[in-house]
Amino acid sequence: MEYVEFDAARRRVLRSWGRELVEPETLAAAVERLRADAETIQDDAERAKARRYLTTLDNLVVDARTPESESLRAASDVLLRALAPGGTPAERRVRAETAIAEINRIAQTAPTPAGGAAVLELNESLAEIIELETEV
């Protein structure tokens, strides 16, 4: 197989995830087919490049197989409320600061360290709001 063929197949899998491919196990099977195809690429550098893309696809499979936690769902709700457009810049800043504190609390109660880290990532958007509203 040529790398361009592999890359086209990889792109088809990515485009179809969430549309035609909706089950994590179906996605995993498609990635395994790509893995077999990647090993047939003759050029060493292109085969190595394909393997690197497979690592990314493996991460997508892991994410697809991992159900959203209650902690992440609760933190997402806090984030959505904090991102409401109304209010003065000072009110939006206070709302963001309050949400960061709440998200930090939720992260501490997450069942796993990885879950807590995923929750804490939501604070990035809120920190940007605080920065923007402080500049006004």
N, C-alpha and C. Protein backbone atom coordinates (compact mmCIF):
# COMPACT_ATOMS: atom_id res chain seq x y z
N MET A 1 0.85 -1.18 0.00
CA MET A 1 0.00 0.00 0.00
C MET A 1 0.89 1.24 0.00
N GLU A 2 0.43 2.24 -0.66
CA GLU A 2 1.11 3.53 -0.66
C GLU A 2 0.58 4.38 0.50
N TYR A 3 1.41 5.28 0.98
CA TYR A 3 1.02 6.12 2.10
C TYR A 3 -0.23 6.95 1.76
N VAL A 4 -0.31 7.46 0.55
CA VAL A 4 -1.47 8.29 0.18
C VAL A 4 -2.77 7.50 0.30
N GLU A 5 -2.72 6.21 0.00
CA GLU A 5 -3.92 5.37 0.15
C GLU A 5 -4.27 5.22 1.64
N PHE A 6 -3.24 4.98 2.45
CA PHE A 6 -3.46 4.88 3.90
C PHE A 6 -4.07 6.17 4.43
N ASP A 7 -3.47 7.29 4.02
CA ASP A 7 -3.94 8.58 4.51
C ASP A 7 -5.38 8.84 4.11
N ALA A 8 -5.75 8.47 2.91
CA ALA A 8 -7.14 8.65 2.46
C ALA A 8 -8.08 7.79 3.30
N ALA A 9 -7.68 6.56 3.58
CA ALA A 9 -8.51 5.68 4.40
C ALA A 9 -8.61 6.22 5.83
N ARG A 10 -7.50 6.75 6.36
CA ARG A 10 -7.49 7.32 7.70
C ARG A 10 -8.46 8.51 7.77
N ARG A 11 -8.40 9.34 6.76
CA ARG A 11 -9.30 10.51 6.73
C ARG A 11 -10.77 10.09 6.64
N ARG A 12 -11.04 9.02 5.89
CA ARG A 12 -12.42 8.53 5.81
C ARG A 12 -12.91 8.07 7.18
N VAL A 13 -12.06 7.38 7.92
CA VAL A 13 -12.44 6.93 9.26
C VAL A 13 -12.73 8.13 10.15
N LEU A 14 -11.84 9.11 10.13
CA LEU A 14 -12.05 10.30 10.97
C LEU A 14 -13.33 11.05 10.61
N ARG A 15 -13.58 11.20 9.30
CA ARG A 15 -14.80 11.90 8.87
C ARG A 15 -16.06 11.13 9.24
N SER A 16 -15.98 9.82 9.26
CA SER A 16 -17.18 9.03 9.52
C SER A 16 -17.45 8.83 11.01
N TRP A 17 -16.44 9.10 11.88
CA TRP A 17 -16.65 8.93 13.32
C TRP A 17 -17.71 9.92 13.79
N GLY A 18 -18.73 9.37 14.44
CA GLY A 18 -19.83 10.18 14.92
C GLY A 18 -20.96 10.28 13.92
N ARG A 19 -20.72 9.81 12.69
CA ARG A 19 -21.76 9.81 11.67
C ARG A 19 -22.12 8.37 11.33
N GLU A 20 -21.34 7.75 10.43
CA GLU A 20 -21.58 6.34 10.11
C GLU A 20 -20.99 5.42 11.18
N LEU A 21 -19.83 5.78 11.68
CA LEU A 21 -19.20 5.03 12.77
C LEU A 21 -19.61 5.66 14.09
N VAL A 22 -20.50 5.02 14.81
CA VAL A 22 -20.96 5.60 16.07
C VAL A 22 -20.65 4.71 17.27
N GLU A 23 -20.30 3.47 17.05
CA GLU A 23 -19.97 2.56 18.13
C GLU A 23 -18.46 2.50 18.32
N PRO A 24 -17.99 2.60 19.56
CA PRO A 24 -16.55 2.53 19.80
C PRO A 24 -15.89 1.27 19.24
N GLU A 25 -16.57 0.14 19.29
CA GLU A 25 -15.97 -1.10 18.80
C GLU A 25 -15.85 -1.10 17.28
N THR A 26 -16.77 -0.46 16.61
CA THR A 26 -16.68 -0.33 15.16
C THR A 26 -15.51 0.57 14.79
N LEU A 27 -15.34 1.64 15.54
CA LEU A 27 -14.19 2.52 15.34
C LEU A 27 -12.89 1.75 15.58
N ALA A 28 -12.85 0.96 16.66
CA ALA A 28 -11.64 0.18 16.98
C ALA A 28 -11.31 -0.79 15.85
N ALA A 29 -12.33 -1.42 15.28
CA ALA A 29 -12.10 -2.36 14.18
C ALA A 29 -11.54 -1.62 12.96
N ALA A 30 -12.06 -0.43 12.69
CA ALA A 30 -11.56 0.35 11.55
C ALA A 30 -10.10 0.75 11.77
N VAL A 31 -9.76 1.09 13.00
CA VAL A 31 -8.37 1.45 13.31
C VAL A 31 -7.45 0.23 13.16
N GLU A 32 -7.93 -0.93 13.56
CA GLU A 32 -7.11 -2.14 13.40
C GLU A 32 -6.89 -2.46 11.93
N ARG A 33 -7.89 -2.23 11.09
CA ARG A 33 -7.71 -2.43 9.65
C ARG A 33 -6.65 -1.46 9.12
N LEU A 34 -6.71 -0.21 9.59
CA LEU A 34 -5.70 0.77 9.19
C LEU A 34 -4.31 0.35 9.67
N ARG A 35 -4.24 -0.24 10.85
CA ARG A 35 -2.96 -0.69 11.39
C ARG A 35 -2.35 -1.76 10.48
N ALA A 36 -3.18 -2.69 10.05
CA ALA A 36 -2.70 -3.74 9.13
C ALA A 36 -2.26 -3.12 7.81
N ASP A 37 -3.02 -2.15 7.33
CA ASP A 37 -2.65 -1.48 6.08
C ASP A 37 -1.33 -0.72 6.23
N ALA A 38 -1.14 -0.07 7.36
CA ALA A 38 0.07 0.71 7.59
C ALA A 38 1.32 -0.15 7.51
N GLU A 39 1.22 -1.39 7.95
CA GLU A 39 2.39 -2.27 7.94
C GLU A 39 2.78 -2.70 6.53
N THR A 40 1.92 -2.46 5.56
CA THR A 40 2.25 -2.82 4.18
C THR A 40 2.87 -1.67 3.40
N ILE A 41 2.99 -0.51 4.02
CA ILE A 41 3.61 0.64 3.36
C ILE A 41 5.10 0.35 3.23
N GLN A 42 5.61 0.45 2.02
CA GLN A 42 6.99 0.08 1.74
C GLN A 42 8.02 1.07 2.30
N ASP A 43 7.79 2.35 2.13
CA ASP A 43 8.75 3.36 2.55
C ASP A 43 8.78 3.44 4.09
N ASP A 44 9.98 3.30 4.66
CA ASP A 44 10.14 3.28 6.12
C ASP A 44 9.64 4.57 6.78
N ALA A 45 9.99 5.72 6.22
CA ALA A 45 9.59 6.99 6.81
C ALA A 45 8.07 7.17 6.75
N GLU A 46 7.47 6.78 5.64
CA GLU A 46 6.02 6.90 5.51
C GLU A 46 5.31 5.90 6.42
N ARG A 47 5.87 4.70 6.58
CA ARG A 47 5.29 3.73 7.49
C ARG A 47 5.36 4.25 8.93
N ALA A 48 6.47 4.89 9.29
CA ALA A 48 6.60 5.48 10.63
C ALA A 48 5.58 6.60 10.84
N LYS A 49 5.37 7.40 9.79
CA LYS A 49 4.38 8.48 9.87
C LYS A 49 2.98 7.89 10.07
N ALA A 50 2.67 6.83 9.36
CA ALA A 50 1.36 6.17 9.51
C ALA A 50 1.20 5.64 10.93
N ARG A 51 2.26 5.08 11.48
CA ARG A 51 2.19 4.57 12.86
C ARG A 51 1.93 5.69 13.85
N ARG A 52 2.51 6.85 13.62
CA ARG A 52 2.25 7.99 14.51
C ARG A 52 0.77 8.39 14.44
N TYR A 53 0.21 8.40 13.25
CA TYR A 53 -1.22 8.70 13.12
C TYR A 53 -2.06 7.64 13.84
N LEU A 54 -1.61 6.41 13.81
CA LEU A 54 -2.34 5.34 14.49
C LEU A 54 -2.37 5.56 16.00
N THR A 55 -1.30 6.12 16.55
CA THR A 55 -1.29 6.42 17.98
C THR A 55 -2.40 7.41 18.31
N THR A 56 -2.57 8.41 17.47
CA THR A 56 -3.65 9.38 17.67
C THR A 56 -5.01 8.71 17.56
N LEU A 57 -5.15 7.82 16.59
CA LEU A 57 -6.41 7.11 16.43
C LEU A 57 -6.67 6.18 17.61
N ASP A 58 -5.61 5.57 18.16
CA ASP A 58 -5.78 4.73 19.35
C ASP A 58 -6.32 5.56 20.52
N ASN A 59 -5.83 6.79 20.65
CA ASN A 59 -6.34 7.67 21.70
C ASN A 59 -7.81 8.00 21.48
N LEU A 60 -8.21 8.16 20.23
CA LEU A 60 -9.61 8.41 19.91
C LEU A 60 -10.46 7.22 20.33
N VAL A 61 -9.96 6.01 20.10
CA VAL A 61 -10.69 4.80 20.50
C VAL A 61 -10.85 4.75 22.01
N VAL A 62 -9.76 5.05 22.73
CA VAL A 62 -9.83 5.05 24.20
C VAL A 62 -10.87 6.06 24.67
N ASP A 63 -10.84 7.26 24.10
CA ASP A 63 -11.82 8.28 24.47
C ASP A 63 -13.24 7.83 24.16
N ALA A 64 -13.42 7.18 23.02
CA ALA A 64 -14.76 6.72 22.62
C ALA A 64 -15.27 5.64 23.57
N ARG A 65 -14.36 4.82 24.08
CA ARG A 65 -14.76 3.75 24.99
C ARG A 65 -14.97 4.22 26.42
N THR A 66 -14.52 5.42 26.74
CA THR A 66 -14.61 5.94 28.10
C THR A 66 -15.87 6.78 28.23
N PRO A 67 -16.81 6.33 29.02
CA PRO A 67 -18.04 7.11 29.16
C PRO A 67 -17.77 8.42 29.91
N GLU A 68 -18.55 9.42 29.58
CA GLU A 68 -18.42 10.71 30.25
C GLU A 68 -18.79 10.53 31.72
N SER A 69 -17.98 11.06 32.58
CA SER A 69 -18.23 10.90 34.01
C SER A 69 -19.26 11.92 34.49
N GLU A 70 -19.85 11.62 35.62
CA GLU A 70 -20.80 12.54 36.23
C GLU A 70 -20.08 13.84 36.62
N SER A 71 -18.81 13.71 37.04
CA SER A 71 -18.03 14.91 37.40
C SER A 71 -17.87 15.83 36.21
N LEU A 72 -17.52 15.28 35.07
CA LEU A 72 -17.34 16.10 33.88
C LEU A 72 -18.65 16.72 33.43
N ARG A 73 -19.72 15.97 33.55
CA ARG A 73 -21.04 16.49 33.18
C ARG A 73 -21.40 17.68 34.09
N ALA A 74 -21.18 17.53 35.40
CA ALA A 74 -21.51 18.60 36.34
C ALA A 74 -20.64 19.84 36.08
N ALA A 75 -19.34 19.63 35.83
CA ALA A 75 -18.45 20.75 35.56
C ALA A 75 -18.84 21.45 34.25
N SER A 76 -19.26 20.69 33.26
CA SER A 76 -19.70 21.27 31.99
C SER A 76 -20.92 22.16 32.20
N ASP A 77 -21.83 21.74 33.09
CA ASP A 77 -22.99 22.56 33.41
C ASP A 77 -22.57 23.88 34.05
N VAL A 78 -21.60 23.81 34.97
CA VAL A 78 -21.08 25.02 35.61
C VAL A 78 -20.47 25.95 34.55
N LEU A 79 -19.70 25.38 33.65
CA LEU A 79 -19.07 26.16 32.59
C LEU A 79 -20.12 26.85 31.72
N LEU A 80 -21.14 26.13 31.33
CA LEU A 80 -22.18 26.73 30.48
C LEU A 80 -22.87 27.90 31.17
N ARG A 81 -23.16 27.75 32.45
CA ARG A 81 -23.78 28.86 33.18
C ARG A 81 -22.84 30.06 33.25
N ALA A 82 -21.57 29.80 33.46
CA ALA A 82 -20.59 30.89 33.57
C ALA A 82 -20.39 31.62 32.24
N LEU A 83 -20.60 30.92 31.14
CA LEU A 83 -20.39 31.52 29.82
C LEU A 83 -21.59 32.30 29.31
N ALA A 84 -22.64 32.40 30.11
CA ALA A 84 -23.82 33.17 29.70
C ALA A 84 -23.39 34.58 29.34
N PRO A 85 -23.92 35.13 28.25
CA PRO A 85 -23.42 36.41 27.73
C PRO A 85 -23.85 37.64 28.52
N GLY A 86 -24.86 37.56 29.34
CA GLY A 86 -25.38 38.76 30.00
C GLY A 86 -24.47 39.31 31.08
N GLY A 87 -24.73 40.57 31.45
CA GLY A 87 -24.02 41.20 32.55
C GLY A 87 -22.91 42.11 32.10
N THR A 88 -22.43 42.86 33.07
CA THR A 88 -21.32 43.77 32.82
C THR A 88 -20.02 42.97 32.78
N PRO A 89 -18.94 43.57 32.30
CA PRO A 89 -17.65 42.87 32.34
C PRO A 89 -17.29 42.41 33.76
N ALA A 90 -17.55 43.25 34.75
CA ALA A 90 -17.24 42.88 36.13
C ALA A 90 -18.09 41.68 36.58
N GLU A 91 -19.37 41.68 36.20
CA GLU A 91 -20.24 40.56 36.56
C GLU A 91 -19.80 39.27 35.87
N ARG A 92 -19.40 39.36 34.60
CA ARG A 92 -18.93 38.16 33.88
C ARG A 92 -17.64 37.63 34.50
N ARG A 93 -16.76 38.54 34.93
CA ARG A 93 -15.52 38.14 35.58
C ARG A 93 -15.81 37.42 36.90
N VAL A 94 -16.70 37.96 37.70
CA VAL A 94 -17.07 37.33 38.97
C VAL A 94 -17.70 35.97 38.71
N ARG A 95 -18.56 35.90 37.70
CA ARG A 95 -19.20 34.62 37.36
C ARG A 95 -18.14 33.59 36.97
N ALA A 96 -17.14 34.00 36.20
CA ALA A 96 -16.07 33.09 35.78
C ALA A 96 -15.24 32.65 36.99
N GLU A 97 -14.91 33.59 37.88
CA GLU A 97 -14.12 33.25 39.07
C GLU A 97 -14.87 32.27 39.97
N THR A 98 -16.17 32.50 40.12
CA THR A 98 -16.99 31.61 40.93
C THR A 98 -17.05 30.22 40.29
N ALA A 99 -17.17 30.18 38.99
CA ALA A 99 -17.22 28.90 38.28
C ALA A 99 -15.90 28.14 38.41
N ILE A 100 -14.78 28.84 38.34
CA ILE A 100 -13.49 28.19 38.50
C ILE A 100 -13.40 27.51 39.86
N ALA A 101 -13.84 28.22 40.90
CA ALA A 101 -13.82 27.64 42.24
C ALA A 101 -14.71 26.39 42.31
N GLU A 102 -15.87 26.45 41.69
CA GLU A 102 -16.79 25.31 41.69
C GLU A 102 -16.20 24.14 40.89
N ILE A 103 -15.61 24.42 39.75
CA ILE A 103 -15.00 23.36 38.94
C ILE A 103 -13.83 22.73 39.68
N ASN A 104 -13.04 23.54 40.40
CA ASN A 104 -11.96 22.98 41.20
C ASN A 104 -12.49 22.02 42.26
N ARG A 105 -13.61 22.40 42.89
CA ARG A 105 -14.23 21.54 43.89
C ARG A 105 -14.71 20.23 43.26
N ILE A 106 -15.33 20.33 42.10
CA ILE A 106 -15.81 19.12 41.40
C ILE A 106 -14.64 18.23 41.02
N ALA A 107 -13.54 18.83 40.56
CA ALA A 107 -12.37 18.04 40.16
C ALA A 107 -11.82 17.23 41.33
N GLN A 108 -11.88 17.79 42.53
CA GLN A 108 -11.38 17.09 43.71
C GLN A 108 -12.22 15.86 44.05
N THR A 109 -13.48 15.87 43.62
CA THR A 109 -14.36 14.73 43.93
C THR A 109 -14.46 13.74 42.78
N ALA A 110 -13.74 14.00 41.70
CA ALA A 110 -13.78 13.09 40.54
C ALA A 110 -13.26 11.72 40.96
N PRO A 111 -13.84 10.66 40.40
CA PRO A 111 -13.47 9.30 40.82
C PRO A 111 -12.05 8.87 40.45
N THR A 112 -11.46 9.52 39.44
CA THR A 112 -10.10 9.15 39.02
C THR A 112 -9.28 10.42 38.81
N PRO A 113 -7.94 10.30 38.90
CA PRO A 113 -7.10 11.46 38.61
C PRO A 113 -7.29 11.98 37.18
N ALA A 114 -7.45 11.07 36.23
CA ALA A 114 -7.66 11.49 34.85
C ALA A 114 -8.99 12.25 34.72
N GLY A 115 -9.99 11.79 35.43
CA GLY A 115 -11.28 12.48 35.41
C GLY A 115 -11.17 13.86 36.00
N GLY A 116 -10.42 13.98 37.08
CA GLY A 116 -10.20 15.29 37.70
C GLY A 116 -9.46 16.23 36.76
N ALA A 117 -8.47 15.69 36.05
CA ALA A 117 -7.72 16.50 35.10
C ALA A 117 -8.61 16.98 33.96
N ALA A 118 -9.48 16.09 33.48
CA ALA A 118 -10.41 16.48 32.41
C ALA A 118 -11.34 17.59 32.87
N VAL A 119 -11.78 17.52 34.10
CA VAL A 119 -12.65 18.56 34.65
C VAL A 119 -11.89 19.89 34.74
N LEU A 120 -10.66 19.84 35.22
CA LEU A 120 -9.87 21.06 35.37
C LEU A 120 -9.59 21.75 34.04
N GLU A 121 -9.54 21.00 32.96
CA GLU A 121 -9.30 21.60 31.64
C GLU A 121 -10.38 22.61 31.28
N LEU A 122 -11.56 22.47 31.84
CA LEU A 122 -12.65 23.39 31.54
C LEU A 122 -12.35 24.79 32.06
N ASN A 123 -11.45 24.90 33.04
CA ASN A 123 -11.12 26.20 33.60
C ASN A 123 -10.38 27.10 32.61
N GLU A 124 -9.78 26.52 31.57
CA GLU A 124 -9.02 27.33 30.61
C GLU A 124 -9.88 28.41 29.96
N SER A 125 -11.08 28.03 29.55
CA SER A 125 -11.99 29.00 28.93
C SER A 125 -12.37 30.09 29.91
N LEU A 126 -12.57 29.71 31.15
CA LEU A 126 -12.95 30.69 32.16
C LEU A 126 -11.80 31.65 32.48
N ALA A 127 -10.59 31.13 32.50
CA ALA A 127 -9.43 31.98 32.74
C ALA A 127 -9.29 33.02 31.62
N GLU A 128 -9.59 32.62 30.40
CA GLU A 128 -9.54 33.56 29.28
C GLU A 128 -10.58 34.66 29.45
N ILE A 129 -11.75 34.30 29.94
CA ILE A 129 -12.80 35.30 30.16
C ILE A 129 -12.33 36.31 31.21
N ILE A 130 -11.74 35.80 32.29
CA ILE A 130 -11.26 36.70 33.34
C ILE A 130 -10.21 37.65 32.78
N GLU A 131 -9.32 37.12 31.97
CA GLU A 131 -8.28 37.95 31.36
C GLU A 131 -8.89 39.01 30.45
N LEU A 132 -9.84 38.61 29.61
CA LEU A 132 -10.47 39.55 28.69
C LEU A 132 -11.27 40.61 29.43
N GLU A 133 -12.01 40.20 30.42
CA GLU A 133 -12.87 41.15 31.14
C GLU A 133 -12.06 42.08 32.04
N THR A 134 -10.85 41.67 32.40
CA THR A 134 -9.97 42.52 33.20
C THR A 134 -9.36 43.61 32.34
N GLU A 135 -9.13 43.31 31.06
CA GLU A 135 -8.53 44.27 30.14
C GLU A 135 -9.48 45.42 29.79
N VAL A 136 -10.79 45.20 29.93
CA VAL A 136 -11.77 46.20 29.53
C VAL A 136 -11.72 47.43 30.41
